[in-house]
Amino acid sequence: MIFLYIIENNHVIMEEAVGLLFAKYGWMFITMFFMFFFKGAIENLYYGVRFMMGSEYNIDDIVYLNSKKCRIIRMGIYRTTFYMVDETRKFHIPNNKLQNHIIEKELRQN
């Protein structure tokens, strides 16, 4: 009889402890869940803003992407669109993948 009372009492204490834990740190668990779930979108957003805020590349610039002549058509938050001048086709690259490519720009002749 006493043994059952101790088990029931511990169960109530555990429920209260878990309730207090979630009440105090619940926002952390929810934030970590959303950060993990939207990691790719947040990463693309970061690299997109970083690429757009930089002054070295602008829309309609002629660049060499992996030694192929391209023109930057659109710079979005999540992806950048290039038009290949020689092959008359366009393609999109996610902004977090731009660091894996070699992008060169010709200097202007004065």
PDB file of N, CA and C in Angstrom:
ATOM      1  N   MET A   1       0.818  -1.182   0.000  1.00  0.00           N
ATOM      2  CA  MET A   1       0.000   0.000   0.000  1.00  0.00           C
ATOM      3  C   MET A   1       0.869   1.256   0.000  1.00  0.00           C
ATOM      4  N   ILE A   2       1.871   1.283   0.836  1.00  0.00           N
ATOM      5  CA  ILE A   2       2.782   2.430   0.883  1.00  0.00           C
ATOM      6  C   ILE A   2       3.567   2.520  -0.422  1.00  0.00           C
ATOM      7  N   PHE A   3       3.923   1.360  -0.991  1.00  0.00           N
ATOM      8  CA  PHE A   3       4.676   1.313  -2.232  1.00  0.00           C
ATOM      9  C   PHE A   3       3.869   1.959  -3.369  1.00  0.00           C
ATOM     10  N   LEU A   4       2.581   1.673  -3.441  1.00  0.00           N
ATOM     11  CA  LEU A   4       1.733   2.263  -4.476  1.00  0.00           C
ATOM     12  C   LEU A   4       1.617   3.779  -4.295  1.00  0.00           C
ATOM     13  N   TYR A   5       1.554   4.243  -3.057  1.00  0.00           N
ATOM     14  CA  TYR A   5       1.475   5.676  -2.779  1.00  0.00           C
ATOM     15  C   TYR A   5       2.747   6.382  -3.246  1.00  0.00           C
ATOM     16  N   ILE A   6       3.912   5.766  -3.035  1.00  0.00           N
ATOM     17  CA  ILE A   6       5.183   6.352  -3.462  1.00  0.00           C
ATOM     18  C   ILE A   6       5.251   6.428  -4.982  1.00  0.00           C
ATOM     19  N   ILE A   7       4.802   5.365  -5.653  1.00  0.00           N
ATOM     20  CA  ILE A   7       4.822   5.359  -7.123  1.00  0.00           C
ATOM     21  C   ILE A   7       3.891   6.442  -7.659  1.00  0.00           C
ATOM     22  N   GLU A   8       2.682   6.550  -7.136  1.00  0.00           N
ATOM     23  CA  GLU A   8       1.748   7.576  -7.582  1.00  0.00           C
ATOM     24  C   GLU A   8       2.287   8.972  -7.278  1.00  0.00           C
ATOM     25  N   ASN A   9       2.900   9.140  -6.130  1.00  0.00           N
ATOM     26  CA  ASN A   9       3.458  10.426  -5.747  1.00  0.00           C
ATOM     27  C   ASN A   9       4.610  10.821  -6.669  1.00  0.00           C
ATOM     28  N   ASN A  10       5.482   9.870  -7.016  1.00  0.00           N
ATOM     29  CA  ASN A  10       6.580  10.150  -7.954  1.00  0.00           C
ATOM     30  C   ASN A  10       6.042  10.500  -9.335  1.00  0.00           C
ATOM     31  N   HIS A  11       4.977   9.849  -9.734  1.00  0.00           N
ATOM     32  CA  HIS A  11       4.375  10.132 -11.035  1.00  0.00           C
ATOM     33  C   HIS A  11       3.872  11.578 -11.081  1.00  0.00           C
ATOM     34  N   VAL A  12       3.247  12.019  -9.991  1.00  0.00           N
ATOM     35  CA  VAL A  12       2.753  13.399  -9.922  1.00  0.00           C
ATOM     36  C   VAL A  12       3.921  14.380  -9.928  1.00  0.00           C
ATOM     37  N   ILE A  13       4.974  14.065  -9.208  1.00  0.00           N
ATOM     38  CA  ILE A  13       6.157  14.932  -9.177  1.00  0.00           C
ATOM     39  C   ILE A  13       6.798  15.023 -10.557  1.00  0.00           C
ATOM     40  N   MET A  14       6.873  13.884 -11.269  1.00  0.00           N
ATOM     41  CA  MET A  14       7.451  13.886 -12.619  1.00  0.00           C
ATOM     42  C   MET A  14       6.600  14.721 -13.574  1.00  0.00           C
ATOM     43  N   GLU A  15       5.278  14.597 -13.476  1.00  0.00           N
ATOM     44  CA  GLU A  15       4.411  15.400 -14.339  1.00  0.00           C
ATOM     45  C   GLU A  15       4.599  16.885 -14.073  1.00  0.00           C
ATOM     46  N   GLU A  16       4.710  17.266 -12.826  1.00  0.00           N
ATOM     47  CA  GLU A  16       4.933  18.666 -12.488  1.00  0.00           C
ATOM     48  C   GLU A  16       6.291  19.154 -12.980  1.00  0.00           C
ATOM     49  N   ALA A  17       7.305  18.308 -12.855  1.00  0.00           N
ATOM     50  CA  ALA A  17       8.645  18.692 -13.318  1.00  0.00           C
ATOM     51  C   ALA A  17       8.675  18.877 -14.825  1.00  0.00           C
ATOM     52  N   VAL A  18       8.056  17.955 -15.554  1.00  0.00           N
ATOM     53  CA  VAL A  18       8.022  18.072 -17.017  1.00  0.00           C
ATOM     54  C   VAL A  18       7.208  19.299 -17.417  1.00  0.00           C
ATOM     55  N   GLY A  19       6.105  19.552 -16.729  1.00  0.00           N
ATOM     56  CA  GLY A  19       5.294  20.732 -17.023  1.00  0.00           C
ATOM     57  C   GLY A  19       6.061  22.019 -16.800  1.00  0.00           C
ATOM     58  N   LEU A  20       6.804  22.085 -15.707  1.00  0.00           N
ATOM     59  CA  LEU A  20       7.614  23.280 -15.449  1.00  0.00           C
ATOM     60  C   LEU A  20       8.739  23.430 -16.459  1.00  0.00           C
ATOM     61  N   LEU A  21       9.319  22.301 -16.861  1.00  0.00           N
ATOM     62  CA  LEU A  21      10.400  22.332 -17.846  1.00  0.00           C
ATOM     63  C   LEU A  21       9.908  22.901 -19.173  1.00  0.00           C
ATOM     64  N   PHE A  22       8.758  22.414 -19.648  1.00  0.00           N
ATOM     65  CA  PHE A  22       8.220  22.925 -20.912  1.00  0.00           C
ATOM     66  C   PHE A  22       7.718  24.353 -20.774  1.00  0.00           C
ATOM     67  N   ALA A  23       7.215  24.713 -19.612  1.00  0.00           N
ATOM     68  CA  ALA A  23       6.746  26.089 -19.425  1.00  0.00           C
ATOM     69  C   ALA A  23       7.911  27.072 -19.452  1.00  0.00           C
ATOM     70  N   LYS A  24       9.039  26.660 -18.898  1.00  0.00           N
ATOM     71  CA  LYS A  24      10.182  27.568 -18.811  1.00  0.00           C
ATOM     72  C   LYS A  24      11.024  27.576 -20.089  1.00  0.00           C
ATOM     73  N   TYR A  25      11.220  26.398 -20.683  1.00  0.00           N
ATOM     74  CA  TYR A  25      12.104  26.279 -21.854  1.00  0.00           C
ATOM     75  C   TYR A  25      11.374  25.866 -23.124  1.00  0.00           C
ATOM     76  N   GLY A  26      10.077  25.929 -23.138  1.00  0.00           N
ATOM     77  CA  GLY A  26       9.309  25.512 -24.313  1.00  0.00           C
ATOM     78  C   GLY A  26       9.611  26.335 -25.543  1.00  0.00           C
ATOM     79  N   TRP A  27       9.814  27.626 -25.371  1.00  0.00           N
ATOM     80  CA  TRP A  27      10.119  28.488 -26.521  1.00  0.00           C
ATOM     81  C   TRP A  27      11.432  28.086 -27.175  1.00  0.00           C
ATOM     82  N   MET A  28      12.380  27.566 -26.377  1.00  0.00           N
ATOM     83  CA  MET A  28      13.652  27.111 -26.952  1.00  0.00           C
ATOM     84  C   MET A  28      13.441  25.885 -27.838  1.00  0.00           C
ATOM     85  N   PHE A  29      12.610  24.952 -27.368  1.00  0.00           N
ATOM     86  CA  PHE A  29      12.345  23.754 -28.160  1.00  0.00           C
ATOM     87  C   PHE A  29      11.638  24.094 -29.458  1.00  0.00           C
ATOM     88  N   ILE A  30      10.685  25.005 -29.387  1.00  0.00           N
ATOM     89  CA  ILE A  30       9.956  25.400 -30.594  1.00  0.00           C
ATOM     90  C   ILE A  30      10.885  26.125 -31.567  1.00  0.00           C
ATOM     91  N   THR A  31      11.730  27.007 -31.067  1.00  0.00           N
ATOM     92  CA  THR A  31      12.683  27.729 -31.914  1.00  0.00           C
ATOM     93  C   THR A  31      13.674  26.778 -32.564  1.00  0.00           C
ATOM     94  N   MET A  32      14.191  25.823 -31.803  1.00  0.00           N
ATOM     95  CA  MET A  32      15.136  24.847 -32.368  1.00  0.00           C
ATOM     96  C   MET A  32      14.463  23.999 -33.435  1.00  0.00           C
ATOM     97  N   PHE A  33      13.198  23.641 -33.241  1.00  0.00           N
ATOM     98  CA  PHE A  33      12.475  22.859 -34.235  1.00  0.00           C
ATOM     99  C   PHE A  33      12.355  23.633 -35.540  1.00  0.00           C
ATOM    100  N   PHE A  34      11.939  24.911 -35.453  1.00  0.00           N
ATOM    101  CA  PHE A  34      11.793  25.704 -36.667  1.00  0.00           C
ATOM    102  C   PHE A  34      13.134  25.987 -37.328  1.00  0.00           C
ATOM    103  N   MET A  35      14.171  26.194 -36.549  1.00  0.00           N
ATOM    104  CA  MET A  35      15.500  26.423 -37.122  1.00  0.00           C
ATOM    105  C   MET A  35      15.974  25.179 -37.875  1.00  0.00           C
ATOM    106  N   PHE A  36      15.738  24.013 -37.318  1.00  0.00           N
ATOM    107  CA  PHE A  36      16.132  22.771 -37.981  1.00  0.00           C
ATOM    108  C   PHE A  36      15.274  22.533 -39.214  1.00  0.00           C
ATOM    109  N   PHE A  37      13.975  22.804 -39.109  1.00  0.00           N
ATOM    110  CA  PHE A  37      13.053  22.545 -40.211  1.00  0.00           C
ATOM    111  C   PHE A  37      13.301  23.487 -41.386  1.00  0.00           C
ATOM    112  N   PHE A  38      13.607  24.752 -41.118  1.00  0.00           N
ATOM    113  CA  PHE A  38      13.805  25.755 -42.159  1.00  0.00           C
ATOM    114  C   PHE A  38      15.278  26.099 -42.367  1.00  0.00           C
ATOM    115  N   LYS A  39      16.181  25.185 -42.057  1.00  0.00           N
ATOM    116  CA  LYS A  39      17.615  25.448 -42.167  1.00  0.00           C
ATOM    117  C   LYS A  39      18.018  25.825 -43.596  1.00  0.00           C
ATOM    118  N   GLY A  40      17.535  25.087 -44.574  1.00  0.00           N
ATOM    119  CA  GLY A  40      17.886  25.366 -45.962  1.00  0.00           C
ATOM    120  C   GLY A  40      17.397  26.715 -46.438  1.00  0.00           C
ATOM    121  N   ALA A  41      16.181  27.070 -46.070  1.00  0.00           N
ATOM    122  CA  ALA A  41      15.631  28.365 -46.478  1.00  0.00           C
ATOM    123  C   ALA A  41      16.380  29.510 -45.813  1.00  0.00           C
ATOM    124  N   ILE A  42      16.721  29.338 -44.548  1.00  0.00           N
ATOM    125  CA  ILE A  42      17.461  30.380 -43.834  1.00  0.00           C
ATOM    126  C   ILE A  42      18.855  30.530 -44.417  1.00  0.00           C
ATOM    127  N   GLU A  43      19.481  29.414 -44.786  1.00  0.00           N
ATOM    128  CA  GLU A  43      20.824  29.458 -45.373  1.00  0.00           C
ATOM    129  C   GLU A  43      20.790  30.151 -46.727  1.00  0.00           C
ATOM    130  N   ASN A  44      19.806  29.818 -47.577  1.00  0.00           N
ATOM    131  CA  ASN A  44      19.677  30.469 -48.881  1.00  0.00           C
ATOM    132  C   ASN A  44      19.410  31.957 -48.718  1.00  0.00           C
ATOM    133  N   LEU A  45      18.593  32.314 -47.746  1.00  0.00           N
ATOM    134  CA  LEU A  45      18.300  33.716 -47.502  1.00  0.00           C
ATOM    135  C   LEU A  45      19.561  34.475 -47.107  1.00  0.00           C
ATOM    136  N   TYR A  46      20.364  33.892 -46.239  1.00  0.00           N
ATOM    137  CA  TYR A  46      21.610  34.533 -45.803  1.00  0.00           C
ATOM    138  C   TYR A  46      22.552  34.759 -46.979  1.00  0.00           C
ATOM    139  N   TYR A  47      22.793  33.706 -47.783  1.00  0.00           N
ATOM    140  CA  TYR A  47      23.715  33.855 -48.906  1.00  0.00           C
ATOM    141  C   TYR A  47      23.141  34.770 -49.979  1.00  0.00           C
ATOM    142  N   GLY A  48      21.824  34.771 -50.166  1.00  0.00           N
ATOM    143  CA  GLY A  48      21.209  35.664 -51.144  1.00  0.00           C
ATOM    144  C   GLY A  48      21.375  37.122 -50.772  1.00  0.00           C
ATOM    145  N   VAL A  49      21.128  37.436 -49.511  1.00  0.00           N
ATOM    146  CA  VAL A  49      21.300  38.820 -49.058  1.00  0.00           C
ATOM    147  C   VAL A  49      22.756  39.217 -49.142  1.00  0.00           C
ATOM    148  N   ARG A  50      23.642  38.311 -48.781  1.00  0.00           N
ATOM    149  CA  ARG A  50      25.075  38.607 -48.844  1.00  0.00           C
ATOM    150  C   ARG A  50      25.527  38.836 -50.284  1.00  0.00           C
ATOM    151  N   PHE A  51      25.014  38.038 -51.226  1.00  0.00           N
ATOM    152  CA  PHE A  51      25.384  38.183 -52.636  1.00  0.00           C
ATOM    153  C   PHE A  51      24.796  39.454 -53.223  1.00  0.00           C
ATOM    154  N   MET A  52      23.554  39.781 -52.841  1.00  0.00           N
ATOM    155  CA  MET A  52      22.907  40.974 -53.388  1.00  0.00           C
ATOM    156  C   MET A  52      23.480  42.256 -52.807  1.00  0.00           C
ATOM    157  N   MET A  53      23.883  42.241 -51.567  1.00  0.00           N
ATOM    158  CA  MET A  53      24.414  43.450 -50.929  1.00  0.00           C
ATOM    159  C   MET A  53      25.846  43.741 -51.362  1.00  0.00           C
ATOM    160  N   GLY A  54      26.531  42.741 -51.874  1.00  0.00           N
ATOM    161  CA  GLY A  54      27.881  42.974 -52.372  1.00  0.00           C
ATOM    162  C   GLY A  54      27.839  43.832 -53.627  1.00  0.00           C
ATOM    163  N   SER A  55      28.832  44.633 -53.817  1.00  0.00           N
ATOM    164  CA  SER A  55      28.819  45.558 -54.962  1.00  0.00           C
ATOM    165  C   SER A  55      29.607  45.027 -56.159  1.00  0.00           C
ATOM    166  N   GLU A  56      30.164  43.824 -56.057  1.00  0.00           N
ATOM    167  CA  GLU A  56      30.998  43.356 -57.172  1.00  0.00           C
ATOM    168  C   GLU A  56      30.187  42.784 -58.334  1.00  0.00           C
ATOM    169  N   TYR A  57      28.957  42.326 -58.087  1.00  0.00           N
ATOM    170  CA  TYR A  57      28.123  41.780 -59.163  1.00  0.00           C
ATOM    171  C   TYR A  57      26.784  42.495 -59.181  1.00  0.00           C
ATOM    172  N   ASN A  58      26.338  42.827 -60.393  1.00  0.00           N
ATOM    173  CA  ASN A  58      25.052  43.494 -60.591  1.00  0.00           C
ATOM    174  C   ASN A  58      24.278  42.768 -61.684  1.00  0.00           C
ATOM    175  N   ILE A  59      23.011  43.095 -61.811  1.00  0.00           N
ATOM    176  CA  ILE A  59      22.201  42.524 -62.891  1.00  0.00           C
ATOM    177  C   ILE A  59      22.734  43.037 -64.227  1.00  0.00           C
ATOM    178  N   ASP A  60      22.743  42.191 -65.228  1.00  0.00           N
ATOM    179  CA  ASP A  60      23.229  42.443 -66.594  1.00  0.00           C
ATOM    180  C   ASP A  60      24.749  42.497 -66.686  1.00  0.00           C
ATOM    181  N   ASP A  61      25.452  42.066 -65.671  1.00  0.00           N
ATOM    182  CA  ASP A  61      26.910  41.946 -65.761  1.00  0.00           C
ATOM    183  C   ASP A  61      27.265  40.683 -66.546  1.00  0.00           C
ATOM    184  N   ILE A  62      28.306  40.797 -67.354  1.00  0.00           N
ATOM    185  CA  ILE A  62      28.843  39.644 -68.058  1.00  0.00           C
ATOM    186  C   ILE A  62      29.914  39.033 -67.171  1.00  0.00           C
ATOM    187  N   VAL A  63      29.737  37.765 -66.843  1.00  0.00           N
ATOM    188  CA  VAL A  63      30.679  37.058 -65.981  1.00  0.00           C
ATOM    189  C   VAL A  63      31.044  35.732 -66.637  1.00  0.00           C
ATOM    190  N   TYR A  64      32.100  35.153 -66.147  1.00  0.00           N
ATOM    191  CA  TYR A  64      32.495  33.812 -66.565  1.00  0.00           C
ATOM    192  C   TYR A  64      32.231  32.872 -65.397  1.00  0.00           C
ATOM    193  N   LEU A  65      31.267  31.985 -65.582  1.00  0.00           N
ATOM    194  CA  LEU A  65      30.881  31.027 -64.554  1.00  0.00           C
ATOM    195  C   LEU A  65      31.475  29.684 -64.943  1.00  0.00           C
ATOM    196  N   ASN A  66      32.466  29.244 -64.190  1.00  0.00           N
ATOM    197  CA  ASN A  66      33.206  28.013 -64.514  1.00  0.00           C
ATOM    198  C   ASN A  66      33.732  28.059 -65.946  1.00  0.00           C
ATOM    199  N   SER A  67      34.316  29.193 -66.321  1.00  0.00           N
ATOM    200  CA  SER A  67      34.930  29.482 -67.618  1.00  0.00           C
ATOM    201  C   SER A  67      33.940  29.455 -68.781  1.00  0.00           C
ATOM    202  N   LYS A  68      32.658  29.687 -68.521  1.00  0.00           N
ATOM    203  CA  LYS A  68      31.658  29.833 -69.583  1.00  0.00           C
ATOM    204  C   LYS A  68      31.053  31.226 -69.454  1.00  0.00           C
ATOM    205  N   LYS A  69      30.927  31.905 -70.590  1.00  0.00           N
ATOM    206  CA  LYS A  69      30.453  33.281 -70.597  1.00  0.00           C
ATOM    207  C   LYS A  69      28.952  33.321 -70.308  1.00  0.00           C
ATOM    208  N   CYS A  70      28.590  34.075 -69.272  1.00  0.00           N
ATOM    209  CA  CYS A  70      27.190  34.174 -68.841  1.00  0.00           C
ATOM    210  C   CYS A  70      26.856  35.621 -68.516  1.00  0.00           C
ATOM    211  N   ARG A  71      25.563  35.887 -68.494  1.00  0.00           N
ATOM    212  CA  ARG A  71      25.065  37.191 -68.068  1.00  0.00           C
ATOM    213  C   ARG A  71      24.135  36.962 -66.884  1.00  0.00           C
ATOM    214  N   ILE A  72      24.262  37.789 -65.870  1.00  0.00           N
ATOM    215  CA  ILE A  72      23.389  37.678 -64.703  1.00  0.00           C
ATOM    216  C   ILE A  72      22.060  38.332 -65.061  1.00  0.00           C
ATOM    217  N   ILE A  73      20.998  37.542 -65.069  1.00  0.00           N
ATOM    218  CA  ILE A  73      19.675  38.054 -65.419  1.00  0.00           C
ATOM    219  C   ILE A  73      18.932  38.532 -64.181  1.00  0.00           C
ATOM    220  N   ARG A  74      18.966  37.715 -63.146  1.00  0.00           N
ATOM    221  CA  ARG A  74      18.184  38.035 -61.946  1.00  0.00           C
ATOM    222  C   ARG A  74      18.941  37.592 -60.707  1.00  0.00           C
ATOM    223  N   MET A  75      18.929  38.439 -59.702  1.00  0.00           N
ATOM    224  CA  MET A  75      19.530  38.107 -58.415  1.00  0.00           C
ATOM    225  C   MET A  75      18.416  38.135 -57.379  1.00  0.00           C
ATOM    226  N   GLY A  76      17.959  36.961 -56.983  1.00  0.00           N
ATOM    227  CA  GLY A  76      16.895  36.873 -55.998  1.00  0.00           C
ATOM    228  C   GLY A  76      17.451  36.550 -54.620  1.00  0.00           C
ATOM    229  N   ILE A  77      16.546  36.464 -53.682  1.00  0.00           N
ATOM    230  CA  ILE A  77      16.964  36.150 -52.321  1.00  0.00           C
ATOM    231  C   ILE A  77      17.388  34.699 -52.213  1.00  0.00           C
ATOM    232  N   TYR A  78      16.707  33.805 -52.935  1.00  0.00           N
ATOM    233  CA  TYR A  78      16.989  32.378 -52.813  1.00  0.00           C
ATOM    234  C   TYR A  78      17.823  31.809 -53.959  1.00  0.00           C
ATOM    235  N   ARG A  79      17.781  32.427 -55.144  1.00  0.00           N
ATOM    236  CA  ARG A  79      18.552  31.902 -56.267  1.00  0.00           C
ATOM    237  C   ARG A  79      18.926  33.020 -57.232  1.00  0.00           C
ATOM    238  N   THR A  80      19.932  32.738 -58.044  1.00  0.00           N
ATOM    239  CA  THR A  80      20.411  33.680 -59.046  1.00  0.00           C
ATOM    240  C   THR A  80      20.258  33.033 -60.412  1.00  0.00           C
ATOM    241  N   THR A  81      19.783  33.799 -61.389  1.00  0.00           N
ATOM    242  CA  THR A  81      19.549  33.278 -62.731  1.00  0.00           C
ATOM    243  C   THR A  81      20.625  33.803 -63.673  1.00  0.00           C
ATOM    244  N   PHE A  82      21.230  32.885 -64.413  1.00  0.00           N
ATOM    245  CA  PHE A  82      22.267  33.211 -65.389  1.00  0.00           C
ATOM    246  C   PHE A  82      21.778  32.849 -66.779  1.00  0.00           C
ATOM    247  N   TYR A  83      22.211  33.614 -67.780  1.00  0.00           N
ATOM    248  CA  TYR A  83      21.931  33.329 -69.180  1.00  0.00           C
ATOM    249  C   TYR A  83      23.264  33.060 -69.858  1.00  0.00           C
ATOM    250  N   MET A  84      23.405  31.861 -70.422  1.00  0.00           N
ATOM    251  CA  MET A  84      24.653  31.518 -71.113  1.00  0.00           C
ATOM    252  C   MET A  84      24.613  32.142 -72.503  1.00  0.00           C
ATOM    253  N   VAL A  85      25.536  33.013 -72.753  1.00  0.00           N
ATOM    254  CA  VAL A  85      25.551  33.787 -73.994  1.00  0.00           C
ATOM    255  C   VAL A  85      25.829  32.884 -75.185  1.00  0.00           C
ATOM    256  N   ASP A  86      26.773  31.974 -75.066  1.00  0.00           N
ATOM    257  CA  ASP A  86      27.176  31.134 -76.193  1.00  0.00           C
ATOM    258  C   ASP A  86      26.141  30.065 -76.538  1.00  0.00           C
ATOM    259  N   GLU A  87      25.452  29.536 -75.561  1.00  0.00           N
ATOM    260  CA  GLU A  87      24.552  28.406 -75.798  1.00  0.00           C
ATOM    261  C   GLU A  87      23.080  28.794 -75.764  1.00  0.00           C
ATOM    262  N   THR A  88      22.769  30.047 -75.578  1.00  0.00           N
ATOM    263  CA  THR A  88      21.406  30.582 -75.521  1.00  0.00           C
ATOM    264  C   THR A  88      20.485  29.751 -74.621  1.00  0.00           C
ATOM    265  N   ARG A  89      20.870  29.588 -73.398  1.00  0.00           N
ATOM    266  CA  ARG A  89      20.027  28.944 -72.394  1.00  0.00           C
ATOM    267  C   ARG A  89      20.239  29.625 -71.062  1.00  0.00           C
ATOM    268  N   LYS A  90      19.267  29.476 -70.190  1.00  0.00           N
ATOM    269  CA  LYS A  90      19.397  30.079 -68.872  1.00  0.00           C
ATOM    270  C   LYS A  90      19.274  28.981 -67.813  1.00  0.00           C
ATOM    271  N   PHE A  91      19.829  29.264 -66.651  1.00  0.00           N
ATOM    272  CA  PHE A  91      19.754  28.304 -65.546  1.00  0.00           C
ATOM    273  C   PHE A  91      19.816  29.048 -64.228  1.00  0.00           C
ATOM    274  N   HIS A  92      19.322  28.382 -63.208  1.00  0.00           N
ATOM    275  CA  HIS A  92      19.264  28.945 -61.865  1.00  0.00           C
ATOM    276  C   HIS A  92      20.251  28.219 -60.967  1.00  0.00           C
ATOM    277  N   ILE A  93      20.870  28.975 -60.087  1.00  0.00           N
ATOM    278  CA  ILE A  93      21.765  28.389 -59.080  1.00  0.00           C
ATOM    279  C   ILE A  93      21.293  28.894 -57.718  1.00  0.00           C
ATOM    280  N   PRO A  94      21.016  27.981 -56.776  1.00  0.00           N
ATOM    281  CA  PRO A  94      20.683  28.443 -55.419  1.00  0.00           C
ATOM    282  C   PRO A  94      21.852  29.230 -54.843  1.00  0.00           C
ATOM    283  N   ASN A  95      21.553  30.263 -54.110  1.00  0.00           N
ATOM    284  CA  ASN A  95      22.609  31.160 -53.631  1.00  0.00           C
ATOM    285  C   ASN A  95      23.582  30.490 -52.678  1.00  0.00           C
ATOM    286  N   ASN A  96      23.156  29.453 -51.971  1.00  0.00           N
ATOM    287  CA  ASN A  96      24.102  28.786 -51.090  1.00  0.00           C
ATOM    288  C   ASN A  96      25.060  27.887 -51.876  1.00  0.00           C
ATOM    289  N   LYS A  97      24.801  27.649 -53.161  1.00  0.00           N
ATOM    290  CA  LYS A  97      25.702  26.853 -54.005  1.00  0.00           C
ATOM    291  C   LYS A  97      26.627  27.720 -54.851  1.00  0.00           C
ATOM    292  N   LEU A  98      26.474  29.035 -54.820  1.00  0.00           N
ATOM    293  CA  LEU A  98      27.330  29.918 -55.617  1.00  0.00           C
ATOM    294  C   LEU A  98      28.783  29.860 -55.175  1.00  0.00           C
ATOM    295  N   GLN A  99      29.011  29.584 -53.920  1.00  0.00           N
ATOM    296  CA  GLN A  99      30.387  29.525 -53.433  1.00  0.00           C
ATOM    297  C   GLN A  99      31.137  28.316 -53.985  1.00  0.00           C
ATOM    298  N   ASN A 100      30.432  27.336 -54.546  1.00  0.00           N
ATOM    299  CA  ASN A 100      31.082  26.167 -55.140  1.00  0.00           C
ATOM    300  C   ASN A 100      31.506  26.405 -56.584  1.00  0.00           C
ATOM    301  N   HIS A 101      31.089  27.517 -57.168  1.00  0.00           N
ATOM    302  CA  HIS A 101      31.401  27.836 -58.559  1.00  0.00           C
ATOM    303  C   HIS A 101      32.450  28.944 -58.613  1.00  0.00           C
ATOM    304  N   ILE A 102      33.193  28.940 -59.695  1.00  0.00           N
ATOM    305  CA  ILE A 102      34.178  29.997 -59.929  1.00  0.00           C
ATOM    306  C   ILE A 102      33.495  31.071 -60.772  1.00  0.00           C
ATOM    307  N   ILE A 103      33.345  32.258 -60.221  1.00  0.00           N
ATOM    308  CA  ILE A 103      32.718  33.369 -60.917  1.00  0.00           C
ATOM    309  C   ILE A 103      33.768  34.449 -61.138  1.00  0.00           C
ATOM    310  N   GLU A 104      34.015  34.759 -62.414  1.00  0.00           N
ATOM    311  CA  GLU A 104      35.009  35.762 -62.769  1.00  0.00           C
ATOM    312  C   GLU A 104      34.317  36.893 -63.529  1.00  0.00           C
ATOM    313  N   LYS A 105      34.828  38.091 -63.341  1.00  0.00           N
ATOM    314  CA  LYS A 105      34.263  39.248 -64.026  1.00  0.00           C
ATOM    315  C   LYS A 105      35.376  40.024 -64.684  1.00  0.00           C
ATOM    316  N   GLU A 106      35.151  40.422 -65.943  1.00  0.00           N
ATOM    317  CA  GLU A 106      36.162  41.204 -66.651  1.00  0.00           C
ATOM    318  C   GLU A 106      36.170  42.620 -66.107  1.00  0.00           C
ATOM    319  N   LEU A 107      37.351  43.191 -66.048  1.00  0.00           N
ATOM    320  CA  LEU A 107      37.494  44.574 -65.618  1.00  0.00           C
ATOM    321  C   LEU A 107      37.222  45.488 -66.795  1.00  0.00           C
ATOM    322  N   ARG A 108      36.628  46.628 -66.533  1.00  0.00           N
ATOM    323  CA  ARG A 108      36.317  47.592 -67.587  1.00  0.00           C
ATOM    324  C   ARG A 108      37.587  48.279 -68.055  1.00  0.00           C
ATOM    325  N   GLN A 109      37.639  48.530 -69.358  1.00  0.00           N
ATOM    326  CA  GLN A 109      38.762  49.251 -69.959  1.00  0.00           C
ATOM    327  C   GLN A 109      38.425  50.737 -69.954  1.00  0.00           C
ATOM    328  N   ASN A 110      39.284  51.558 -69.402  1.00  0.00           N
ATOM    329  CA  ASN A 110      39.043  53.012 -69.407  1.00  0.00           C
ATOM    330  C   ASN A 110      39.724  53.672 -70.556  1.00  0.00           C
TER     331      ASN A 110
END
